[in-house]
Amino acid sequence: MTDIIVSQMGALIDLGGPVVVILLAGSILSLAVILLKIFHFSYAGVGSHRHSAQAASLWAAGRSREAFDLASQGRNPAAKTVAEAIALRMTKRIDKEAIEERLGRLATEQLHDLQSGFRFLDAIAQLAPLLGLFGTVLGMIEAFKQLQSAGNAVDPSILAGGIWVALLTTAVGLAVAMPTSLVLTWLETRVENERVAIQTLTTDILAGTALPADVVQRKGLAAEAQLAS
């Protein structure tokens, strides 16, 4: 099975040339980044806001220590920001504006960490079709050069073969770009969902009120649907 895949990859590279090599290298790198981000999001618990929402509810009920302990157990940005908000409110030595500034900085740092690698995936999604088109243009130029050199003894099969080989690079470019773009959109939606949860929960902590956990989850899903549209 491995030998068949290797031979097919070799044939694809022979037909497509250097452009296909670049596209395949980009696809391998983008796959590695995607797997790394999925592991990162899973390890950080991105999207799991029940504990942080419960902590906000406990804070609103006046059970500040329990709220802080519960929020501290979370590993996602929402839980960490909620824990920091509760800790700052418990000190009672920092005004609301200073707390909001510190929470905003903390949230920005954590969301920026989640977005690491997004620029690379976006570059692959945008450049892969252009590289494929570039390879197609080069292939068409080569096909017409062969057609010109044939003179009067023109064989249509030569031109047809050159065209389909040239179009191969465009197909490879699209095959690399489309799944990368879809996965990037999904990852961006998860980050936006986390941002909405942070904003909602920290506002509740500062205001002394809290929404039920299912309401917070519905807000995140609504933000996800709006971003996807």
Protein backbone atom coordinates (compact mmCIF):
# COMPACT_ATOMS: atom_id res chain seq x y z
CA MET A 1 0.00 0.00 0.00
CA THR A 2 2.79 2.39 0.90
CA ASP A 3 4.67 1.56 -2.30
CA ILE A 4 1.57 2.35 -4.36
CA ILE A 5 1.11 5.73 -2.65
CA VAL A 6 4.78 6.58 -3.11
CA SER A 7 4.70 5.61 -6.79
CA GLN A 8 1.54 7.68 -7.36
CA MET A 9 3.10 10.66 -5.62
CA GLY A 10 6.21 10.27 -7.75
CA ALA A 11 4.13 10.17 -10.93
CA LEU A 12 2.23 13.26 -9.82
CA ILE A 13 5.47 15.12 -9.18
CA ASP A 14 6.87 14.04 -12.54
CA LEU A 15 3.80 15.37 -14.32
CA GLY A 16 3.34 18.58 -12.35
CA GLY A 17 6.97 19.51 -11.86
CA PRO A 18 8.32 21.89 -9.21
CA VAL A 19 4.96 23.60 -8.64
CA VAL A 20 3.39 20.33 -7.48
CA VAL A 21 6.37 19.73 -5.20
CA ILE A 22 5.81 23.12 -3.58
CA LEU A 23 2.07 22.48 -3.23
CA LEU A 24 2.61 19.05 -1.68
CA ALA A 25 5.14 20.49 0.76
CA GLY A 26 2.66 23.21 1.68
CA SER A 27 -0.10 20.64 2.20
CA ILE A 28 2.11 18.58 4.51
CA LEU A 29 3.04 21.64 6.55
CA SER A 30 -0.56 22.85 6.74
CA LEU A 31 -1.68 19.39 7.88
CA ALA A 32 0.95 19.44 10.61
CA VAL A 33 -0.20 22.90 11.77
CA ILE A 34 -3.86 21.81 11.74
CA LEU A 35 -3.15 18.72 13.84
CA LEU A 36 -1.10 20.83 16.25
CA LYS A 37 -3.91 23.38 16.60
CA ILE A 38 -6.52 20.68 17.16
CA PHE A 39 -4.36 19.22 19.93
CA HIS A 40 -3.78 22.71 21.33
CA PHE A 41 -7.51 23.51 21.39
CA SER A 42 -8.36 20.14 22.90
CA TYR A 43 -5.72 20.42 25.61
CA ALA A 44 -6.78 23.98 26.46
CA GLY A 45 -10.44 22.97 26.65
CA VAL A 46 -11.53 25.60 24.16
CA GLY A 47 -15.32 25.70 23.96
CA SER A 48 -15.95 24.20 27.40
CA HIS A 49 -17.50 27.09 29.36
CA ARG A 50 -19.69 25.32 31.90
CA HIS A 51 -17.24 25.61 34.78
CA SER A 52 -16.54 29.28 34.12
CA ALA A 53 -20.28 30.01 33.80
CA GLN A 54 -20.94 28.18 37.06
CA ALA A 55 -18.14 30.16 38.69
CA ALA A 56 -19.77 33.40 37.55
CA SER A 57 -23.08 32.21 39.02
CA LEU A 58 -21.39 31.38 42.32
CA TRP A 59 -19.81 34.84 42.37
CA ALA A 60 -23.21 36.45 41.83
CA ALA A 61 -24.54 34.37 44.72
CA GLY A 62 -21.84 35.74 47.01
CA ARG A 63 -19.79 32.52 47.16
CA SER A 64 -16.59 34.15 45.97
CA ARG A 65 -14.09 31.57 47.24
CA GLU A 66 -16.00 28.67 45.68
CA ALA A 67 -16.29 30.65 42.46
CA PHE A 68 -12.56 31.29 42.32
CA ASP A 69 -11.67 27.66 43.09
CA LEU A 70 -14.02 26.40 40.38
CA ALA A 71 -12.77 28.85 37.76
CA SER A 72 -9.15 28.04 38.63
CA GLN A 73 -9.72 24.43 37.63
CA GLY A 74 -10.32 25.42 34.01
CA ARG A 75 -7.59 25.56 31.39
CA ASN A 76 -9.37 27.50 28.66
CA PRO A 77 -9.02 31.27 28.24
CA ALA A 78 -12.56 31.92 29.50
CA ALA A 79 -11.94 30.10 32.79
CA LYS A 80 -8.56 31.76 33.30
CA THR A 81 -10.01 35.20 32.65
CA VAL A 82 -12.94 34.56 34.98
CA ALA A 83 -10.57 33.38 37.71
CA GLU A 84 -8.47 36.50 37.25
CA ALA A 85 -11.57 38.70 37.33
CA ILE A 86 -12.78 37.10 40.57
CA ALA A 87 -9.33 37.41 42.14
CA LEU A 88 -9.11 41.09 41.25
CA ARG A 89 -12.61 41.77 42.54
CA MET A 90 -11.82 39.96 45.79
CA THR A 91 -8.86 42.25 46.48
CA LYS A 92 -11.14 45.33 46.49
CA ARG A 93 -8.06 47.50 46.02
CA ILE A 94 -8.29 47.98 42.25
CA ASP A 95 -10.93 50.10 40.56
CA LYS A 96 -13.18 48.78 37.83
CA GLU A 97 -11.35 50.48 34.96
CA ALA A 98 -8.01 49.00 36.01
CA ILE A 99 -9.61 45.55 36.30
CA GLU A 100 -11.12 45.85 32.83
CA GLU A 101 -7.75 46.88 31.40
CA ARG A 102 -5.95 43.94 32.99
CA LEU A 103 -8.64 41.48 31.92
CA GLY A 104 -8.58 42.86 28.38
CA ARG A 105 -4.82 42.41 28.21
CA LEU A 106 -5.05 38.87 29.59
CA ALA A 107 -7.80 37.90 27.15
CA THR A 108 -5.89 39.39 24.22
CA GLU A 109 -2.76 37.44 25.10
CA GLN A 110 -4.63 34.15 25.42
CA LEU A 111 -6.66 34.59 22.24
CA HIS A 112 -3.50 35.58 20.38
CA ASP A 113 -1.92 32.34 21.56
CA LEU A 114 -4.91 30.40 20.21
CA GLN A 115 -4.56 32.17 16.86
CA SER A 116 -0.92 31.22 16.40
CA GLY A 117 -0.51 29.44 13.07
CA PHE A 118 -3.64 30.99 11.56
CA ARG A 119 -1.63 33.31 9.30
CA PHE A 120 0.27 30.37 7.87
CA LEU A 121 -2.94 28.45 7.14
CA ASP A 122 -4.46 31.56 5.59
CA ALA A 123 -1.36 32.00 3.40
CA ILE A 124 -1.60 28.38 2.22
CA ALA A 125 -5.33 28.76 1.47
CA GLN A 126 -4.69 31.88 -0.61
CA LEU A 127 -1.43 30.98 -2.31
CA ALA A 128 -2.18 27.37 -3.25
CA PRO A 129 -4.70 28.24 -6.01
CA LEU A 130 -2.38 30.95 -7.34
CA LEU A 131 0.53 28.52 -7.43
CA GLY A 132 -1.67 26.00 -9.20
CA LEU A 133 -2.69 28.61 -11.75
CA PHE A 134 0.95 29.59 -12.21
CA GLY A 135 1.83 25.97 -12.91
CA THR A 136 -1.03 25.77 -15.40
CA VAL A 137 0.23 28.85 -17.26
CA LEU A 138 3.73 27.38 -17.43
CA GLY A 139 2.32 24.08 -18.69
CA MET A 140 0.26 25.79 -21.36
CA ILE A 141 3.30 27.73 -22.54
CA GLU A 142 5.24 24.46 -22.83
CA ALA A 143 2.36 22.77 -24.67
CA PHE A 144 2.14 25.54 -27.25
CA LYS A 145 5.91 25.53 -27.67
CA GLN A 146 5.72 21.83 -28.54
CA LEU A 147 2.85 22.56 -30.89
CA GLN A 148 4.89 25.25 -32.64
CA SER A 149 7.93 23.03 -32.95
CA ALA A 150 5.80 20.30 -34.55
CA GLY A 151 5.11 22.59 -37.52
CA ASN A 152 2.70 21.14 -40.04
CA ALA A 153 2.82 17.69 -38.45
CA VAL A 154 0.49 18.73 -35.65
CA ASP A 155 -0.77 15.92 -33.46
CA PRO A 156 -3.87 16.98 -31.47
CA SER A 157 -3.02 14.41 -28.81
CA ILE A 158 0.18 16.31 -28.02
CA LEU A 159 -1.76 19.49 -27.37
CA ALA A 160 -4.47 17.69 -25.38
CA GLY A 161 -1.89 15.88 -23.28
CA GLY A 162 -0.05 19.11 -22.56
CA ILE A 163 -3.26 20.85 -21.52
CA TRP A 164 -4.42 18.20 -19.04
CA VAL A 165 -0.97 18.02 -17.50
CA ALA A 166 -0.98 21.81 -17.19
CA LEU A 167 -4.42 21.78 -15.54
CA LEU A 168 -3.16 19.21 -13.05
CA THR A 169 -1.37 21.89 -11.02
CA THR A 170 -4.58 23.93 -10.72
CA ALA A 171 -6.43 20.86 -9.45
CA VAL A 172 -3.70 20.18 -6.88
CA GLY A 173 -3.73 23.81 -5.76
CA LEU A 174 -7.49 23.76 -5.23
CA ALA A 175 -7.28 20.40 -3.45
CA VAL A 176 -4.81 21.92 -0.99
CA ALA A 177 -6.60 25.25 -0.55
CA MET A 178 -10.20 24.15 -0.02
CA PRO A 179 -9.80 21.87 3.03
CA THR A 180 -7.28 24.28 4.54
CA SER A 181 -9.73 27.15 4.19
CA LEU A 182 -12.56 25.11 5.74
CA VAL A 183 -10.49 24.05 8.73
CA LEU A 184 -9.22 27.60 9.22
CA THR A 185 -12.80 28.90 9.27
CA TRP A 186 -13.71 26.29 11.87
CA LEU A 187 -10.73 27.23 14.06
CA GLU A 188 -11.53 30.94 13.76
CA THR A 189 -15.11 30.19 14.79
CA ARG A 190 -13.87 28.40 17.92
CA VAL A 191 -11.72 31.40 18.82
CA GLU A 192 -14.61 33.81 18.25
CA ASN A 193 -16.81 31.62 20.43
CA GLU A 194 -14.19 31.81 23.17
CA ARG A 195 -13.96 35.59 22.82
CA VAL A 196 -17.73 35.95 23.24
CA ALA A 197 -17.66 33.74 26.33
CA ILE A 198 -14.84 35.80 27.87
CA GLN A 199 -16.63 39.07 27.21
CA THR A 200 -19.96 37.80 28.55
CA LEU A 201 -18.60 36.15 31.69
CA THR A 202 -16.20 38.91 32.71
CA THR A 203 -18.98 41.47 32.26
CA ASP A 204 -21.11 39.38 34.59
CA ILE A 205 -18.30 39.23 37.17
CA LEU A 206 -17.77 42.98 37.10
CA ALA A 207 -21.50 43.67 37.24
CA GLY A 208 -22.11 41.12 39.97
CA THR A 209 -24.62 39.19 37.87
CA ALA A 210 -24.35 35.96 35.95
CA LEU A 211 -26.22 34.15 33.22
CA PRO A 212 -26.96 30.44 33.40
CA ALA A 213 -24.43 28.21 31.71
CA ASP A 214 -26.86 27.17 28.96
CA VAL A 215 -27.48 30.83 28.05
CA VAL A 216 -23.73 31.40 27.71
CA GLN A 217 -23.51 28.33 25.50
CA ARG A 218 -26.38 29.58 23.29
CA LYS A 219 -24.64 32.95 22.91
CA GLY A 220 -21.49 31.19 21.77
CA LEU A 221 -23.43 29.09 19.26
CA ALA A 222 -25.16 32.22 17.94
CA ALA A 223 -21.80 33.91 17.47
CA GLU A 224 -20.52 30.80 15.71
CA ALA A 225 -23.50 30.77 13.31
CA GLN A 226 -23.08 34.49 12.58
CA LEU A 227 -19.36 34.05 11.82
CA ALA A 228 -20.02 31.05 9.58
CA SER A 229 -22.62 33.03 7.60
